[in-house]
PDB file of all heavy atoms in Angstrom:
ATOM      1  N   LYS A   1      10.234  23.672  -8.977  1.00  0.00           N
ATOM      2  CA  LYS A   1      10.249  22.924 -10.293  1.00  0.00           C
ATOM      3  C   LYS A   1       9.122  21.947 -10.163  1.00  0.00           C
ATOM      4  O   LYS A   1       8.919  21.324  -9.058  1.00  0.00           O
ATOM      5  CB  LYS A   1      11.589  22.258 -10.375  1.00  0.00           C
ATOM      6  CG  LYS A   1      11.669  21.541 -11.790  1.00  0.00           C
ATOM      7  CD  LYS A   1      13.113  21.098 -12.007  1.00  0.00           C
ATOM      8  CE  LYS A   1      13.256  20.409 -13.429  1.00  0.00           C
ATOM      9  NZ  LYS A   1      14.515  19.852 -13.633  1.00  0.00           N
ATOM     10  N   THR A   2       8.408  21.788 -11.294  1.00  0.00           N
ATOM     11  CA  THR A   2       7.251  20.884 -11.306  1.00  0.00           C
ATOM     12  C   THR A   2       7.715  19.489 -11.959  1.00  0.00           C
ATOM     13  O   THR A   2       8.469  19.376 -12.918  1.00  0.00           O
ATOM     14  CB  THR A   2       6.209  21.489 -12.215  1.00  0.00           C
ATOM     15  OG1 THR A   2       5.792  22.677 -11.573  1.00  0.00           O
ATOM     16  CG2 THR A   2       4.951  20.578 -12.311  1.00  0.00           C
ATOM     17  N   TYR A   3       7.116  18.372 -11.439  1.00  0.00           N
ATOM     18  CA  TYR A   3       7.356  17.091 -11.893  1.00  0.00           C
ATOM     19  C   TYR A   3       6.110  16.343 -12.030  1.00  0.00           C
ATOM     20  O   TYR A   3       5.195  16.515 -11.223  1.00  0.00           O
ATOM     21  CB  TYR A   3       8.304  16.299 -10.807  1.00  0.00           C
ATOM     22  CG  TYR A   3       9.636  16.983 -10.552  1.00  0.00           C
ATOM     23  CD1 TYR A   3       9.702  17.927  -9.493  1.00  0.00           C
ATOM     24  CD2 TYR A   3      10.767  16.625 -11.254  1.00  0.00           C
ATOM     25  CE1 TYR A   3      10.917  18.553  -9.254  1.00  0.00           C
ATOM     26  CE2 TYR A   3      11.971  17.263 -10.933  1.00  0.00           C
ATOM     27  CZ  TYR A   3      12.088  18.229  -9.943  1.00  0.00           C
ATOM     28  OH  TYR A   3      13.269  18.777  -9.735  1.00  0.00           O
ATOM     29  N   GLY A   4       6.050  15.385 -12.988  1.00  0.00           N
ATOM     30  CA  GLY A   4       4.898  14.554 -13.276  1.00  0.00           C
ATOM     31  C   GLY A   4       5.159  13.173 -12.791  1.00  0.00           C
ATOM     32  O   GLY A   4       6.094  12.900 -11.997  1.00  0.00           O
ATOM     33  N   ASP A   5       4.268  12.214 -13.303  1.00  0.00           N
ATOM     34  CA  ASP A   5       4.295  10.842 -12.710  1.00  0.00           C
ATOM     35  C   ASP A   5       5.643  10.202 -13.213  1.00  0.00           C
ATOM     36  O   ASP A   5       6.332  10.676 -14.004  1.00  0.00           O
ATOM     37  CB  ASP A   5       3.083  10.091 -13.175  1.00  0.00           C
ATOM     38  CG  ASP A   5       2.981   9.963 -14.684  1.00  0.00           C
ATOM     39  OD1 ASP A   5       3.788  10.605 -15.439  1.00  0.00           O
ATOM     40  OD2 ASP A   5       2.041   9.249 -15.121  1.00  0.00           O
ATOM     41  N   LYS A   6       5.951   9.148 -12.440  1.00  0.00           N
ATOM     42  CA  LYS A   6       7.174   8.258 -12.609  1.00  0.00           C
ATOM     43  C   LYS A   6       8.416   9.169 -12.226  1.00  0.00           C
ATOM     44  O   LYS A   6       9.383   9.180 -12.997  1.00  0.00           O
ATOM     45  CB  LYS A   6       7.337   7.718 -14.012  1.00  0.00           C
ATOM     46  CG  LYS A   6       6.085   6.699 -14.321  1.00  0.00           C
ATOM     47  CD  LYS A   6       6.366   6.091 -15.677  1.00  0.00           C
ATOM     48  CE  LYS A   6       5.218   5.120 -16.037  1.00  0.00           C
ATOM     49  NZ  LYS A   6       4.016   5.903 -16.397  1.00  0.00           N
ATOM     50  N   THR A   7       8.257   9.974 -11.160  1.00  0.00           N
ATOM     51  CA  THR A   7       9.395  10.708 -10.628  1.00  0.00           C
ATOM     52  C   THR A   7       9.786  10.032  -9.404  1.00  0.00           C
ATOM     53  O   THR A   7       8.961   9.512  -8.601  1.00  0.00           O
ATOM     54  CB  THR A   7       8.834  12.137 -10.287  1.00  0.00           C
ATOM     55  OG1 THR A   7       8.628  12.840 -11.457  1.00  0.00           O
ATOM     56  CG2 THR A   7       9.955  12.846  -9.478  1.00  0.00           C
ATOM     57  N   ALA A   8      11.147   9.967  -9.150  1.00  0.00           N
ATOM     58  CA  ALA A   8      11.818   9.282  -8.049  1.00  0.00           C
ATOM     59  C   ALA A   8      12.529  10.361  -7.226  1.00  0.00           C
ATOM     60  O   ALA A   8      13.246  11.231  -7.861  1.00  0.00           O
ATOM     61  CB  ALA A   8      12.655   8.155  -8.410  1.00  0.00           C
ATOM     62  N   ILE A   9      12.528  10.169  -5.862  1.00  0.00           N
ATOM     63  CA  ILE A   9      13.292  11.111  -4.969  1.00  0.00           C
ATOM     64  C   ILE A   9      13.940  10.341  -3.964  1.00  0.00           C
ATOM     65  O   ILE A   9      13.500   9.342  -3.480  1.00  0.00           O
ATOM     66  CB  ILE A   9      12.207  11.982  -4.224  1.00  0.00           C
ATOM     67  CG1 ILE A   9      11.244  12.791  -5.228  1.00  0.00           C
ATOM     68  CG2 ILE A   9      12.918  12.895  -3.242  1.00  0.00           C
ATOM     69  CD1 ILE A   9      10.105  13.598  -4.506  1.00  0.00           C
ATOM     70  N   GLU A  10      15.278  10.690  -3.846  1.00  0.00           N
ATOM     71  CA  GLU A  10      16.214  10.079  -2.900  1.00  0.00           C
ATOM     72  C   GLU A  10      16.324  11.078  -1.730  1.00  0.00           C
ATOM     73  O   GLU A  10      16.664  12.267  -1.886  1.00  0.00           O
ATOM     74  CB  GLU A  10      17.481   9.722  -3.396  1.00  0.00           C
ATOM     75  CG  GLU A  10      18.441   9.075  -2.366  1.00  0.00           C
ATOM     76  CD  GLU A  10      19.943   9.201  -2.838  1.00  0.00           C
ATOM     77  OE1 GLU A  10      20.504  10.194  -3.021  1.00  0.00           O
ATOM     78  OE2 GLU A  10      20.444   8.035  -3.145  1.00  0.00           O
ATOM     79  N   LEU A  11      16.100  10.652  -0.461  1.00  0.00           N
ATOM     80  CA  LEU A  11      16.273  11.441   0.669  1.00  0.00           C
ATOM     81  C   LEU A  11      17.284  10.651   1.579  1.00  0.00           C
ATOM     82  O   LEU A  11      17.063   9.610   2.178  1.00  0.00           O
ATOM     83  CB  LEU A  11      15.027  11.547   1.498  1.00  0.00           C
ATOM     84  CG  LEU A  11      13.917  12.351   0.684  1.00  0.00           C
ATOM     85  CD1 LEU A  11      12.530  12.158   1.366  1.00  0.00           C
ATOM     86  CD2 LEU A  11      14.244  13.827   0.619  1.00  0.00           C
ATOM     87  N   LEU A  12      18.494  11.286   1.805  1.00  0.00           N
ATOM     88  CA  LEU A  12      19.580  10.726   2.717  1.00  0.00           C
ATOM     89  C   LEU A  12      19.346  11.286   4.133  1.00  0.00           C
ATOM     90  O   LEU A  12      18.707  12.258   4.363  1.00  0.00           O
ATOM     91  CB  LEU A  12      20.926  11.238   2.173  1.00  0.00           C
ATOM     92  CG  LEU A  12      21.266  10.727   0.725  1.00  0.00           C
ATOM     93  CD1 LEU A  12      22.602  11.346   0.339  1.00  0.00           C
ATOM     94  CD2 LEU A  12      21.329   9.273   0.570  1.00  0.00           C
ATOM     95  N   PRO A  13      19.911  10.558   5.031  1.00  0.00           N
ATOM     96  CA  PRO A  13      19.898  11.094   6.479  1.00  0.00           C
ATOM     97  C   PRO A  13      20.378  12.446   6.623  1.00  0.00           C
ATOM     98  O   PRO A  13      20.017  13.229   7.475  1.00  0.00           O
ATOM     99  CB  PRO A  13      20.741  10.036   7.282  1.00  0.00           C
ATOM    100  CG  PRO A  13      20.567   8.709   6.460  1.00  0.00           C
ATOM    101  CD  PRO A  13      20.447   9.233   5.028  1.00  0.00           C
ATOM    102  N   SER A  14      21.410  12.834   5.757  1.00  0.00           N
ATOM    103  CA  SER A  14      21.972  14.225   5.799  1.00  0.00           C
ATOM    104  C   SER A  14      21.128  15.268   5.162  1.00  0.00           C
ATOM    105  O   SER A  14      21.395  16.430   5.345  1.00  0.00           O
ATOM    106  CB  SER A  14      23.301  14.143   5.158  1.00  0.00           C
ATOM    107  OG  SER A  14      23.211  13.689   3.877  1.00  0.00           O
ATOM    108  N   ASP A  15      20.018  14.871   4.508  1.00  0.00           N
ATOM    109  CA  ASP A  15      19.249  15.848   3.783  1.00  0.00           C
ATOM    110  C   ASP A  15      18.125  16.485   4.716  1.00  0.00           C
ATOM    111  O   ASP A  15      17.681  15.837   5.663  1.00  0.00           O
ATOM    112  CB  ASP A  15      18.410  15.259   2.676  1.00  0.00           C
ATOM    113  CG  ASP A  15      19.256  14.756   1.504  1.00  0.00           C
ATOM    114  OD1 ASP A  15      20.284  15.482   1.319  1.00  0.00           O
ATOM    115  OD2 ASP A  15      18.871  13.754   0.868  1.00  0.00           O
ATOM    116  N   GLY A  16      18.082  17.856   4.698  1.00  0.00           N
ATOM    117  CA  GLY A  16      17.050  18.486   5.535  1.00  0.00           C
ATOM    118  C   GLY A  16      15.626  18.281   5.077  1.00  0.00           C
ATOM    119  O   GLY A  16      15.439  17.815   3.967  1.00  0.00           O
ATOM    120  N   PRO A  17      14.576  18.801   5.821  1.00  0.00           N
ATOM    121  CA  PRO A  17      13.231  18.652   5.441  1.00  0.00           C
ATOM    122  C   PRO A  17      12.994  19.514   4.160  1.00  0.00           C
ATOM    123  O   PRO A  17      13.592  20.522   3.892  1.00  0.00           O
ATOM    124  CB  PRO A  17      12.578  19.323   6.704  1.00  0.00           C
ATOM    125  CG  PRO A  17      13.407  19.254   7.722  1.00  0.00           C
ATOM    126  CD  PRO A  17      14.821  19.389   7.204  1.00  0.00           C
ATOM    127  N   VAL A  18      12.129  18.865   3.378  1.00  0.00           N
ATOM    128  CA  VAL A  18      11.755  19.431   2.041  1.00  0.00           C
ATOM    129  C   VAL A  18      10.179  19.499   1.920  1.00  0.00           C
ATOM    130  O   VAL A  18       9.595  18.487   2.288  1.00  0.00           O
ATOM    131  CB  VAL A  18      12.403  18.697   0.904  1.00  0.00           C
ATOM    132  CG1 VAL A  18      11.933  19.137  -0.519  1.00  0.00           C
ATOM    133  CG2 VAL A  18      13.904  18.760   0.965  1.00  0.00           C
ATOM    134  N   ASP A  19       9.701  20.558   1.328  1.00  0.00           N
ATOM    135  CA  ASP A  19       8.284  20.588   1.160  1.00  0.00           C
ATOM    136  C   ASP A  19       7.884  20.095  -0.276  1.00  0.00           C
ATOM    137  O   ASP A  19       8.574  20.512  -1.214  1.00  0.00           O
ATOM    138  CB  ASP A  19       7.719  22.029   1.147  1.00  0.00           C
ATOM    139  CG  ASP A  19       7.481  22.492   2.759  1.00  0.00           C
ATOM    140  OD1 ASP A  19       7.398  21.589   3.606  1.00  0.00           O
ATOM    141  OD2 ASP A  19       7.658  23.701   2.999  1.00  0.00           O
ATOM    142  N   ILE A  20       6.922  19.173  -0.383  1.00  0.00           N
ATOM    143  CA  ILE A  20       6.541  18.732  -1.650  1.00  0.00           C
ATOM    144  C   ILE A  20       5.003  19.045  -1.819  1.00  0.00           C
ATOM    145  O   ILE A  20       4.174  18.467  -1.072  1.00  0.00           O
ATOM    146  CB  ILE A  20       6.640  17.187  -1.777  1.00  0.00           C
ATOM    147  CG1 ILE A  20       8.156  16.700  -1.638  1.00  0.00           C
ATOM    148  CG2 ILE A  20       6.124  16.540  -3.060  1.00  0.00           C
ATOM    149  CD1 ILE A  20       8.470  15.284  -1.658  1.00  0.00           C
ATOM    150  N   LYS A  21       4.716  19.948  -2.682  1.00  0.00           N
ATOM    151  CA  LYS A  21       3.434  20.460  -2.838  1.00  0.00           C
ATOM    152  C   LYS A  21       2.753  19.600  -3.977  1.00  0.00           C
ATOM    153  O   LYS A  21       3.331  19.535  -5.139  1.00  0.00           O
ATOM    154  CB  LYS A  21       3.353  21.937  -3.292  1.00  0.00           C
ATOM    155  CG  LYS A  21       1.945  22.442  -3.424  1.00  0.00           C
ATOM    156  CD  LYS A  21       1.902  23.949  -3.777  1.00  0.00           C
ATOM    157  CE  LYS A  21       0.392  24.413  -3.976  1.00  0.00           C
ATOM    158  NZ  LYS A  21       0.355  25.804  -4.289  1.00  0.00           N
ATOM    159  N   ALA A  22       1.567  19.042  -3.755  1.00  0.00           N
ATOM    160  CA  ALA A  22       0.828  18.400  -4.784  1.00  0.00           C
ATOM    161  C   ALA A  22      -0.138  19.260  -5.571  1.00  0.00           C
ATOM    162  O   ALA A  22      -0.987  19.921  -5.017  1.00  0.00           O
ATOM    163  CB  ALA A  22      -0.027  17.303  -4.148  1.00  0.00           C
ATOM    164  N   ASN A  23       0.122  19.392  -6.879  1.00  0.00           N
ATOM    165  CA  ASN A  23      -0.788  20.183  -7.756  1.00  0.00           C
ATOM    166  C   ASN A  23      -1.941  19.459  -8.078  1.00  0.00           C
ATOM    167  O   ASN A  23      -3.002  20.116  -8.548  1.00  0.00           O
ATOM    168  CB  ASN A  23       0.070  20.542  -9.001  1.00  0.00           C
ATOM    169  CG  ASN A  23       1.440  21.301  -8.697  1.00  0.00           C
ATOM    170  OD1 ASN A  23       1.334  22.305  -7.866  1.00  0.00           O
ATOM    171  ND2 ASN A  23       2.429  20.819  -9.274  1.00  0.00           N
ATOM    172  N   GLU A  24      -1.981  18.090  -8.055  1.00  0.00           N
ATOM    173  CA  GLU A  24      -3.094  17.248  -8.085  1.00  0.00           C
ATOM    174  C   GLU A  24      -2.857  16.093  -7.167  1.00  0.00           C
ATOM    175  O   GLU A  24      -1.767  15.970  -6.635  1.00  0.00           O
ATOM    176  CB  GLU A  24      -3.296  16.797  -9.530  1.00  0.00           C
ATOM    177  CG  GLU A  24      -2.102  16.070 -10.113  1.00  0.00           C
ATOM    178  CD  GLU A  24      -2.226  15.706 -11.618  1.00  0.00           C
ATOM    179  OE1 GLU A  24      -2.388  16.650 -12.369  1.00  0.00           O
ATOM    180  OE2 GLU A  24      -2.090  14.495 -11.937  1.00  0.00           O
ATOM    181  N   GLU A  25      -3.807  15.291  -6.956  1.00  0.00           N
ATOM    182  CA  GLU A  25      -3.581  14.121  -6.048  1.00  0.00           C
ATOM    183  C   GLU A  25      -2.397  13.348  -6.537  1.00  0.00           C
ATOM    184  O   GLU A  25      -2.281  13.016  -7.719  1.00  0.00           O
ATOM    185  CB  GLU A  25      -4.814  13.224  -5.993  1.00  0.00           C
ATOM    186  CG  GLU A  25      -4.626  12.124  -4.989  1.00  0.00           C
ATOM    187  CD  GLU A  25      -5.784  11.192  -4.902  1.00  0.00           C
ATOM    188  OE1 GLU A  25      -6.752  11.498  -4.007  1.00  0.00           O
ATOM    189  OE2 GLU A  25      -5.956  10.157  -5.690  1.00  0.00           O
ATOM    190  N   SER A  26      -1.482  13.124  -5.650  1.00  0.00           N
ATOM    191  CA  SER A  26      -0.287  12.416  -5.943  1.00  0.00           C
ATOM    192  C   SER A  26      -0.028  11.242  -5.008  1.00  0.00           C
ATOM    193  O   SER A  26      -0.181  11.310  -3.779  1.00  0.00           O
ATOM    194  CB  SER A  26       0.983  13.437  -5.854  1.00  0.00           C
ATOM    195  OG  SER A  26       0.808  14.455  -6.687  1.00  0.00           O
ATOM    196  N   LEU A  27       0.480  10.125  -5.615  1.00  0.00           N
ATOM    197  CA  LEU A  27       0.659   8.876  -4.941  1.00  0.00           C
ATOM    198  C   LEU A  27       2.137   8.429  -4.996  1.00  0.00           C
ATOM    199  O   LEU A  27       2.714   8.318  -6.097  1.00  0.00           O
ATOM    200  CB  LEU A  27      -0.172   7.698  -5.519  1.00  0.00           C
ATOM    201  CG  LEU A  27      -0.163   6.344  -4.876  1.00  0.00           C
ATOM    202  CD1 LEU A  27      -0.636   6.495  -3.467  1.00  0.00           C
ATOM    203  CD2 LEU A  27      -0.771   5.378  -5.661  1.00  0.00           C
TER     204      LEU A  27
END
């Protein structure tokens, strides 16, 4: 799934590793 700017992600200690691919430079 693709997301644009002003996107927030929560990662809990129980969450496994996730790949985040940048389609353009992302900060």
